[in-house]
Amino acid sequence: MVDQYGFAASYESVKRFVRTLRHTDPHQFDRLEFLPGEEAQVDYGEGALTVDPNSGRYRRPRLFVMTLRYSRRSFRRVVWKSS
């Protein structure tokens, strides 16, 4: 740090600064509670190039994932259209 940036403070100053960067746990943690069937999270993503069985051409399929909030069970499906 001295050679590259011309840092002039002491090593103890660096230690005091780095000590403030350490991770601390939050004081309060609110867990969200849901009843069965009340909420789900839906995500889409893109898959790898795959041969489309209808056209015979390479396409990227869409990846559909729905996760139930209560049980955290998930349903996954590869689809060609997001609609």
PDB file of N, CA and C in Angstrom:
ATOM      1  N   MET A   1       0.825  -1.191   0.000  1.00  0.00           N
ATOM      2  CA  MET A   1       0.000   0.000   0.000  1.00  0.00           C
ATOM      3  C   MET A   1       0.865   1.248   0.000  1.00  0.00           C
ATOM      4  N   VAL A   2       1.991   1.175   0.677  1.00  0.00           N
ATOM      5  CA  VAL A   2       2.889   2.331   0.707  1.00  0.00           C
ATOM      6  C   VAL A   2       3.499   2.550  -0.667  1.00  0.00           C
ATOM      7  N   ASP A   3       3.989   1.482  -1.310  1.00  0.00           N
ATOM      8  CA  ASP A   3       4.630   1.606  -2.622  1.00  0.00           C
ATOM      9  C   ASP A   3       3.647   2.001  -3.717  1.00  0.00           C
ATOM     10  N   GLN A   4       2.472   1.378  -3.727  1.00  0.00           N
ATOM     11  CA  GLN A   4       1.525   1.606  -4.816  1.00  0.00           C
ATOM     12  C   GLN A   4       0.687   2.869  -4.636  1.00  0.00           C
ATOM     13  N   TYR A   5       0.281   3.178  -3.415  1.00  0.00           N
ATOM     14  CA  TYR A   5      -0.657   4.282  -3.202  1.00  0.00           C
ATOM     15  C   TYR A   5      -0.108   5.406  -2.335  1.00  0.00           C
ATOM     16  N   GLY A   6       1.080   5.267  -1.818  1.00  0.00           N
ATOM     17  CA  GLY A   6       1.650   6.307  -0.960  1.00  0.00           C
ATOM     18  C   GLY A   6       0.963   6.410   0.378  1.00  0.00           C
ATOM     19  N   PHE A   7       0.454   5.273   0.897  1.00  0.00           N
ATOM     20  CA  PHE A   7      -0.251   5.253   2.177  1.00  0.00           C
ATOM     21  C   PHE A   7       0.716   5.618   3.300  1.00  0.00           C
ATOM     22  N   ALA A   8       0.373   6.625   4.109  1.00  0.00           N
ATOM     23  CA  ALA A   8       1.305   7.134   5.117  1.00  0.00           C
ATOM     24  C   ALA A   8       0.909   6.804   6.549  1.00  0.00           C
ATOM     25  N   ALA A   9      -0.283   6.237   6.768  1.00  0.00           N
ATOM     26  CA  ALA A   9      -0.721   5.955   8.142  1.00  0.00           C
ATOM     27  C   ALA A   9      -0.078   4.668   8.660  1.00  0.00           C
ATOM     28  N   SER A  10      -0.322   4.365   9.914  1.00  0.00           N
ATOM     29  CA  SER A  10       0.304   3.198  10.544  1.00  0.00           C
ATOM     30  C   SER A  10      -0.463   1.914  10.248  1.00  0.00           C
ATOM     31  N   TYR A  11       0.174   0.796  10.563  1.00  0.00           N
ATOM     32  CA  TYR A  11      -0.441  -0.522  10.403  1.00  0.00           C
ATOM     33  C   TYR A  11      -1.652  -0.652  11.322  1.00  0.00           C
ATOM     34  N   GLU A  12      -1.600  -0.073  12.498  1.00  0.00           N
ATOM     35  CA  GLU A  12      -2.722  -0.107  13.434  1.00  0.00           C
ATOM     36  C   GLU A  12      -3.943   0.602  12.857  1.00  0.00           C
ATOM     37  N   SER A  13      -3.730   1.666  12.097  1.00  0.00           N
ATOM     38  CA  SER A  13      -4.843   2.357  11.439  1.00  0.00           C
ATOM     39  C   SER A  13      -5.538   1.443  10.449  1.00  0.00           C
ATOM     40  N   VAL A  14      -4.761   0.675   9.715  1.00  0.00           N
ATOM     41  CA  VAL A  14      -5.331  -0.280   8.750  1.00  0.00           C
ATOM     42  C   VAL A  14      -6.147  -1.336   9.499  1.00  0.00           C
ATOM     43  N   LYS A  15      -5.627  -1.860  10.593  1.00  0.00           N
ATOM     44  CA  LYS A  15      -6.342  -2.874  11.356  1.00  0.00           C
ATOM     45  C   LYS A  15      -7.658  -2.333  11.912  1.00  0.00           C
ATOM     46  N   ARG A  16      -7.671  -1.085  12.397  1.00  0.00           N
ATOM     47  CA  ARG A  16      -8.912  -0.489  12.902  1.00  0.00           C
ATOM     48  C   ARG A  16      -9.933  -0.335  11.788  1.00  0.00           C
ATOM     49  N   PHE A  17      -9.488   0.078  10.607  1.00  0.00           N
ATOM     50  CA  PHE A  17     -10.402   0.233   9.480  1.00  0.00           C
ATOM     51  C   PHE A  17     -10.974  -1.108   9.044  1.00  0.00           C
ATOM     52  N   VAL A  18     -10.136  -2.128   8.913  1.00  0.00           N
ATOM     53  CA  VAL A  18     -10.592  -3.442   8.456  1.00  0.00           C
ATOM     54  C   VAL A  18     -11.543  -4.073   9.468  1.00  0.00           C
ATOM     55  N   ARG A  19     -11.338  -3.836  10.745  1.00  0.00           N
ATOM     56  CA  ARG A  19     -12.203  -4.377  11.789  1.00  0.00           C
ATOM     57  C   ARG A  19     -13.646  -3.917  11.594  1.00  0.00           C
ATOM     58  N   THR A  20     -13.866  -2.692  11.087  1.00  0.00           N
ATOM     59  CA  THR A  20     -15.228  -2.194  10.864  1.00  0.00           C
ATOM     60  C   THR A  20     -15.896  -2.863   9.667  1.00  0.00           C
ATOM     61  N   LEU A  21     -15.123  -3.510   8.795  1.00  0.00           N
ATOM     62  CA  LEU A  21     -15.672  -4.146   7.604  1.00  0.00           C
ATOM     63  C   LEU A  21     -16.182  -5.557   7.855  1.00  0.00           C
ATOM     64  N   ARG A  22     -15.899  -6.120   8.993  1.00  0.00           N
ATOM     65  CA  ARG A  22     -16.329  -7.482   9.297  1.00  0.00           C
ATOM     66  C   ARG A  22     -17.841  -7.573   9.335  1.00  0.00           C
ATOM     67  N   HIS A  23     -18.345  -8.741   8.935  1.00  0.00           N
ATOM     68  CA  HIS A  23     -19.790  -8.986   8.899  1.00  0.00           C
ATOM     69  C   HIS A  23     -20.353  -9.102  10.316  1.00  0.00           C
ATOM     70  N   THR A  24     -21.458  -8.426  10.537  1.00  0.00           N
ATOM     71  CA  THR A  24     -22.169  -8.567  11.810  1.00  0.00           C
ATOM     72  C   THR A  24     -23.585  -9.030  11.507  1.00  0.00           C
ATOM     73  N   ASP A  25     -24.135  -9.863  12.366  1.00  0.00           N
ATOM     74  CA  ASP A  25     -25.491 -10.361  12.188  1.00  0.00           C
ATOM     75  C   ASP A  25     -26.487  -9.248  12.471  1.00  0.00           C
ATOM     76  N   PRO A  26     -27.620  -9.250  11.769  1.00  0.00           N
ATOM     77  CA  PRO A  26     -28.634  -8.221  12.031  1.00  0.00           C
ATOM     78  C   PRO A  26     -29.238  -8.414  13.421  1.00  0.00           C
ATOM     79  N   HIS A  27     -29.696  -7.331  14.021  1.00  0.00           N
ATOM     80  CA  HIS A  27     -30.286  -7.393  15.351  1.00  0.00           C
ATOM     81  C   HIS A  27     -31.675  -8.009  15.322  1.00  0.00           C
ATOM     82  N   GLN A  28     -32.406  -7.799  14.223  1.00  0.00           N
ATOM     83  CA  GLN A  28     -33.764  -8.304  14.130  1.00  0.00           C
ATOM     84  C   GLN A  28     -33.908  -9.084  12.832  1.00  0.00           C
ATOM     85  N   PHE A  29     -34.583 -10.209  12.887  1.00  0.00           N
ATOM     86  CA  PHE A  29     -34.836 -11.022  11.713  1.00  0.00           C
ATOM     87  C   PHE A  29     -36.313 -11.350  11.695  1.00  0.00           C
ATOM     88  N   ASP A  30     -37.022 -10.842  10.695  1.00  0.00           N
ATOM     89  CA  ASP A  30     -38.457 -11.088  10.583  1.00  0.00           C
ATOM     90  C   ASP A  30     -38.688 -12.220   9.594  1.00  0.00           C
ATOM     91  N   ARG A  31     -39.241 -13.308  10.078  1.00  0.00           N
ATOM     92  CA  ARG A  31     -39.553 -14.442   9.210  1.00  0.00           C
ATOM     93  C   ARG A  31     -40.970 -14.259   8.679  1.00  0.00           C
ATOM     94  N   LEU A  32     -41.113 -14.356   7.358  1.00  0.00           N
ATOM     95  CA  LEU A  32     -42.427 -14.213   6.753  1.00  0.00           C
ATOM     96  C   LEU A  32     -43.138 -15.561   6.799  1.00  0.00           C
ATOM     97  N   GLU A  33     -44.320 -15.558   7.324  1.00  0.00           N
ATOM     98  CA  GLU A  33     -45.101 -16.791   7.456  1.00  0.00           C
ATOM     99  C   GLU A  33     -46.272 -16.756   6.477  1.00  0.00           C
ATOM    100  N   PHE A  34     -46.524 -17.874   5.812  1.00  0.00           N
ATOM    101  CA  PHE A  34     -47.611 -17.969   4.845  1.00  0.00           C
ATOM    102  C   PHE A  34     -48.407 -19.231   5.113  1.00  0.00           C
ATOM    103  N   LEU A  35     -49.698 -19.162   4.859  1.00  0.00           N
ATOM    104  CA  LEU A  35     -50.565 -20.329   4.967  1.00  0.00           C
ATOM    105  C   LEU A  35     -50.400 -21.188   3.716  1.00  0.00           C
ATOM    106  N   PRO A  36     -50.722 -22.479   3.787  1.00  0.00           N
ATOM    107  CA  PRO A  36     -50.611 -23.340   2.603  1.00  0.00           C
ATOM    108  C   PRO A  36     -51.451 -22.799   1.446  1.00  0.00           C
ATOM    109  N   GLY A  37     -50.850 -22.708   0.280  1.00  0.00           N
ATOM    110  CA  GLY A  37     -51.536 -22.227  -0.923  1.00  0.00           C
ATOM    111  C   GLY A  37     -51.692 -20.729  -1.012  1.00  0.00           C
ATOM    112  N   GLU A  38     -51.154 -19.993  -0.066  1.00  0.00           N
ATOM    113  CA  GLU A  38     -51.356 -18.546  -0.041  1.00  0.00           C
ATOM    114  C   GLU A  38     -50.432 -17.807  -1.010  1.00  0.00           C
ATOM    115  N   GLU A  39     -49.202 -18.272  -1.192  1.00  0.00           N
ATOM    116  CA  GLU A  39     -48.267 -17.554  -2.053  1.00  0.00           C
ATOM    117  C   GLU A  39     -47.288 -18.526  -2.699  1.00  0.00           C
ATOM    118  N   ALA A  40     -46.862 -18.169  -3.917  1.00  0.00           N
ATOM    119  CA  ALA A  40     -45.842 -18.932  -4.643  1.00  0.00           C
ATOM    120  C   ALA A  40     -44.944 -17.960  -5.377  1.00  0.00           C
ATOM    121  N   GLN A  41     -43.730 -18.379  -5.625  1.00  0.00           N
ATOM    122  CA  GLN A  41     -42.785 -17.567  -6.393  1.00  0.00           C
ATOM    123  C   GLN A  41     -42.574 -18.236  -7.741  1.00  0.00           C
ATOM    124  N   VAL A  42     -42.608 -17.446  -8.812  1.00  0.00           N
ATOM    125  CA  VAL A  42     -42.453 -17.970 -10.170  1.00  0.00           C
ATOM    126  C   VAL A  42     -41.232 -17.337 -10.807  1.00  0.00           C
ATOM    127  N   ASP A  43     -40.387 -18.154 -11.404  1.00  0.00           N
ATOM    128  CA  ASP A  43     -39.188 -17.685 -12.085  1.00  0.00           C
ATOM    129  C   ASP A  43     -39.092 -18.332 -13.456  1.00  0.00           C
ATOM    130  N   TYR A  44     -38.534 -17.585 -14.396  1.00  0.00           N
ATOM    131  CA  TYR A  44     -38.222 -18.105 -15.720  1.00  0.00           C
ATOM    132  C   TYR A  44     -36.732 -17.943 -15.958  1.00  0.00           C
ATOM    133  N   GLY A  45     -36.172 -18.846 -16.738  1.00  0.00           N
ATOM    134  CA  GLY A  45     -34.778 -18.745 -17.135  1.00  0.00           C
ATOM    135  C   GLY A  45     -34.628 -19.288 -18.546  1.00  0.00           C
ATOM    136  N   GLU A  46     -33.424 -19.221 -19.065  1.00  0.00           N
ATOM    137  CA  GLU A  46     -33.150 -19.731 -20.409  1.00  0.00           C
ATOM    138  C   GLU A  46     -32.303 -20.984 -20.317  1.00  0.00           C
ATOM    139  N   GLY A  47     -32.638 -21.984 -21.117  1.00  0.00           N
ATOM    140  CA  GLY A  47     -31.880 -23.214 -21.150  1.00  0.00           C
ATOM    141  C   GLY A  47     -30.817 -23.186 -22.238  1.00  0.00           C
ATOM    142  N   ALA A  48     -30.109 -24.287 -22.359  1.00  0.00           N
ATOM    143  CA  ALA A  48     -29.073 -24.419 -23.381  1.00  0.00           C
ATOM    144  C   ALA A  48     -29.707 -24.680 -24.741  1.00  0.00           C
ATOM    145  N   LEU A  49     -28.975 -24.408 -25.795  1.00  0.00           N
ATOM    146  CA  LEU A  49     -29.479 -24.676 -27.141  1.00  0.00           C
ATOM    147  C   LEU A  49     -29.890 -26.139 -27.255  1.00  0.00           C
ATOM    148  N   THR A  50     -31.123 -26.349 -27.715  1.00  0.00           N
ATOM    149  CA  THR A  50     -31.706 -27.680 -27.801  1.00  0.00           C
ATOM    150  C   THR A  50     -32.466 -27.787 -29.118  1.00  0.00           C
ATOM    151  N   VAL A  51     -32.520 -28.983 -29.673  1.00  0.00           N
ATOM    152  CA  VAL A  51     -33.278 -29.188 -30.908  1.00  0.00           C
ATOM    153  C   VAL A  51     -34.760 -29.163 -30.576  1.00  0.00           C
ATOM    154  N   ASP A  52     -35.499 -28.276 -31.238  1.00  0.00           N
ATOM    155  CA  ASP A  52     -36.949 -28.190 -31.089  1.00  0.00           C
ATOM    156  C   ASP A  52     -37.565 -29.389 -31.814  1.00  0.00           C
ATOM    157  N   PRO A  53     -38.346 -30.225 -31.124  1.00  0.00           N
ATOM    158  CA  PRO A  53     -38.909 -31.408 -31.782  1.00  0.00           C
ATOM    159  C   PRO A  53     -39.905 -31.073 -32.890  1.00  0.00           C
ATOM    160  N   ASN A  54     -40.531 -29.892 -32.834  1.00  0.00           N
ATOM    161  CA  ASN A  54     -41.503 -29.516 -33.872  1.00  0.00           C
ATOM    162  C   ASN A  54     -40.838 -29.014 -35.146  1.00  0.00           C
ATOM    163  N   SER A  55     -39.810 -28.175 -35.003  1.00  0.00           N
ATOM    164  CA  SER A  55     -39.198 -27.558 -36.182  1.00  0.00           C
ATOM    165  C   SER A  55     -37.877 -28.216 -36.579  1.00  0.00           C
ATOM    166  N   GLY A  56     -37.235 -28.936 -35.668  1.00  0.00           N
ATOM    167  CA  GLY A  56     -35.939 -29.532 -35.960  1.00  0.00           C
ATOM    168  C   GLY A  56     -34.784 -28.544 -35.903  1.00  0.00           C
ATOM    169  N   ARG A  57     -35.059 -27.300 -35.523  1.00  0.00           N
ATOM    170  CA  ARG A  57     -34.023 -26.270 -35.419  1.00  0.00           C
ATOM    171  C   ARG A  57     -33.579 -26.132 -33.972  1.00  0.00           C
ATOM    172  N   TYR A  58     -32.366 -25.576 -33.788  1.00  0.00           N
ATOM    173  CA  TYR A  58     -31.870 -25.326 -32.442  1.00  0.00           C
ATOM    174  C   TYR A  58     -32.533 -24.077 -31.876  1.00  0.00           C
ATOM    175  N   ARG A  59     -33.039 -24.201 -30.654  1.00  0.00           N
ATOM    176  CA  ARG A  59     -33.651 -23.079 -29.945  1.00  0.00           C
ATOM    177  C   ARG A  59     -33.273 -23.161 -28.479  1.00  0.00           C
ATOM    178  N   ARG A  60     -33.448 -22.050 -27.786  1.00  0.00           N
ATOM    179  CA  ARG A  60     -33.235 -22.038 -26.339  1.00  0.00           C
ATOM    180  C   ARG A  60     -34.595 -22.184 -25.653  1.00  0.00           C
ATOM    181  N   PRO A  61     -34.806 -23.278 -24.938  1.00  0.00           N
ATOM    182  CA  PRO A  61     -36.088 -23.420 -24.232  1.00  0.00           C
ATOM    183  C   PRO A  61     -36.141 -22.517 -23.013  1.00  0.00           C
ATOM    184  N   ARG A  62     -37.328 -22.264 -22.534  1.00  0.00           N
ATOM    185  CA  ARG A  62     -37.536 -21.492 -21.313  1.00  0.00           C
ATOM    186  C   ARG A  62     -37.657 -22.476 -20.156  1.00  0.00           C
ATOM    187  N   LEU A  63     -37.112 -22.117 -19.011  1.00  0.00           N
ATOM    188  CA  LEU A  63     -37.186 -22.948 -17.819  1.00  0.00           C
ATOM    189  C   LEU A  63     -38.149 -22.287 -16.846  1.00  0.00           C
ATOM    190  N   PHE A  64     -39.220 -22.976 -16.517  1.00  0.00           N
ATOM    191  CA  PHE A  64     -40.251 -22.461 -15.612  1.00  0.00           C
ATOM    192  C   PHE A  64     -40.089 -23.143 -14.258  1.00  0.00           C
ATOM    193  N   VAL A  65     -40.038 -22.349 -13.187  1.00  0.00           N
ATOM    194  CA  VAL A  65     -39.943 -22.882 -11.828  1.00  0.00           C
ATOM    195  C   VAL A  65     -40.944 -22.142 -10.954  1.00  0.00           C
ATOM    196  N   MET A  66     -41.801 -22.889 -10.268  1.00  0.00           N
ATOM    197  CA  MET A  66     -42.731 -22.303  -9.305  1.00  0.00           C
ATOM    198  C   MET A  66     -42.457 -22.952  -7.951  1.00  0.00           C
ATOM    199  N   THR A  67     -42.200 -22.140  -6.928  1.00  0.00           N
ATOM    200  CA  THR A  67     -41.900 -22.637  -5.586  1.00  0.00           C
ATOM    201  C   THR A  67     -42.982 -22.159  -4.626  1.00  0.00           C
ATOM    202  N   LEU A  68     -43.587 -23.103  -3.913  1.00  0.00           N
ATOM    203  CA  LEU A  68     -44.597 -22.759  -2.913  1.00  0.00           C
ATOM    204  C   LEU A  68     -43.906 -22.232  -1.672  1.00  0.00           C
ATOM    205  N   ARG A  69     -44.396 -21.122  -1.150  1.00  0.00           N
ATOM    206  CA  ARG A  69     -43.738 -20.476  -0.013  1.00  0.00           C
ATOM    207  C   ARG A  69     -43.889 -21.274   1.288  1.00  0.00           C
ATOM    208  N   TYR A  70     -45.018 -21.904   1.493  1.00  0.00           N
ATOM    209  CA  TYR A  70     -45.257 -22.601   2.759  1.00  0.00           C
ATOM    210  C   TYR A  70     -44.387 -23.856   2.885  1.00  0.00           C
ATOM    211  N   SER A  71     -44.436 -24.718   1.874  1.00  0.00           N
ATOM    212  CA  SER A  71     -43.725 -25.995   1.946  1.00  0.00           C
ATOM    213  C   SER A  71     -42.359 -25.960   1.269  1.00  0.00           C
ATOM    214  N   ARG A  72     -42.112 -24.905   0.491  1.00  0.00           N
ATOM    215  CA  ARG A  72     -40.882 -24.762  -0.296  1.00  0.00           C
ATOM    216  C   ARG A  72     -40.718 -25.881  -1.315  1.00  0.00           C
ATOM    217  N   ARG A  73     -41.808 -26.544  -1.662  1.00  0.00           N
ATOM    218  CA  ARG A  73     -41.786 -27.540  -2.728  1.00  0.00           C
ATOM    219  C   ARG A  73     -41.799 -26.793  -4.050  1.00  0.00           C
ATOM    220  N   SER A  74     -41.125 -27.346  -5.055  1.00  0.00           N
ATOM    221  CA  SER A  74     -41.066 -26.632  -6.324  1.00  0.00           C
ATOM    222  C   SER A  74     -41.518 -27.521  -7.465  1.00  0.00           C
ATOM    223  N   PHE A  75     -42.060 -26.870  -8.475  1.00  0.00           N
ATOM    224  CA  PHE A  75     -42.501 -27.500  -9.714  1.00  0.00           C
ATOM    225  C   PHE A  75     -41.652 -26.916 -10.818  1.00  0.00           C
ATOM    226  N   ARG A  76     -41.044 -27.768 -11.635  1.00  0.00           N
ATOM    227  CA  ARG A  76     -40.166 -27.298 -12.711  1.00  0.00           C
ATOM    228  C   ARG A  76     -40.607 -27.890 -14.026  1.00  0.00           C
ATOM    229  N   ARG A  77     -40.526 -27.076 -15.085  1.00  0.00           N
ATOM    230  CA  ARG A  77     -40.899 -27.562 -16.407  1.00  0.00           C
ATOM    231  C   ARG A  77     -40.085 -26.808 -17.461  1.00  0.00           C
ATOM    232  N   VAL A  78     -39.690 -27.524 -18.497  1.00  0.00           N
ATOM    233  CA  VAL A  78     -39.031 -26.918 -19.660  1.00  0.00           C
ATOM    234  C   VAL A  78     -40.126 -26.643 -20.685  1.00  0.00           C
ATOM    235  N   VAL A  79     -40.230 -25.396 -21.112  1.00  0.00           N
ATOM    236  CA  VAL A  79     -41.264 -24.998 -22.075  1.00  0.00           C
ATOM    237  C   VAL A  79     -40.622 -24.226 -23.221  1.00  0.00           C
ATOM    238  N   TRP A  80     -41.305 -24.143 -24.339  1.00  0.00           N
ATOM    239  CA  TRP A  80     -40.767 -23.399 -25.487  1.00  0.00           C
ATOM    240  C   TRP A  80     -41.270 -21.970 -25.518  1.00  0.00           C
ATOM    241  N   LYS A  81     -42.408 -21.690 -24.860  1.00  0.00           N
ATOM    242  CA  LYS A  81     -42.945 -20.325 -24.808  1.00  0.00           C
ATOM    243  C   LYS A  81     -43.260 -19.966 -23.365  1.00  0.00           C
ATOM    244  N   SER A  82     -42.991 -18.727 -22.981  1.00  0.00           N
ATOM    245  CA  SER A  82     -43.284 -18.279 -21.623  1.00  0.00           C
ATOM    246  C   SER A  82     -44.768 -18.062 -21.400  1.00  0.00           C
ATOM    247  N   SER A  83     -45.531 -17.892 -22.475  1.00  0.00           N
ATOM    248  CA  SER A  83     -46.959 -17.628 -22.313  1.00  0.00           C
ATOM    249  C   SER A  83     -47.700 -18.912 -21.961  1.00  0.00           C
TER     250      SER A  83
END
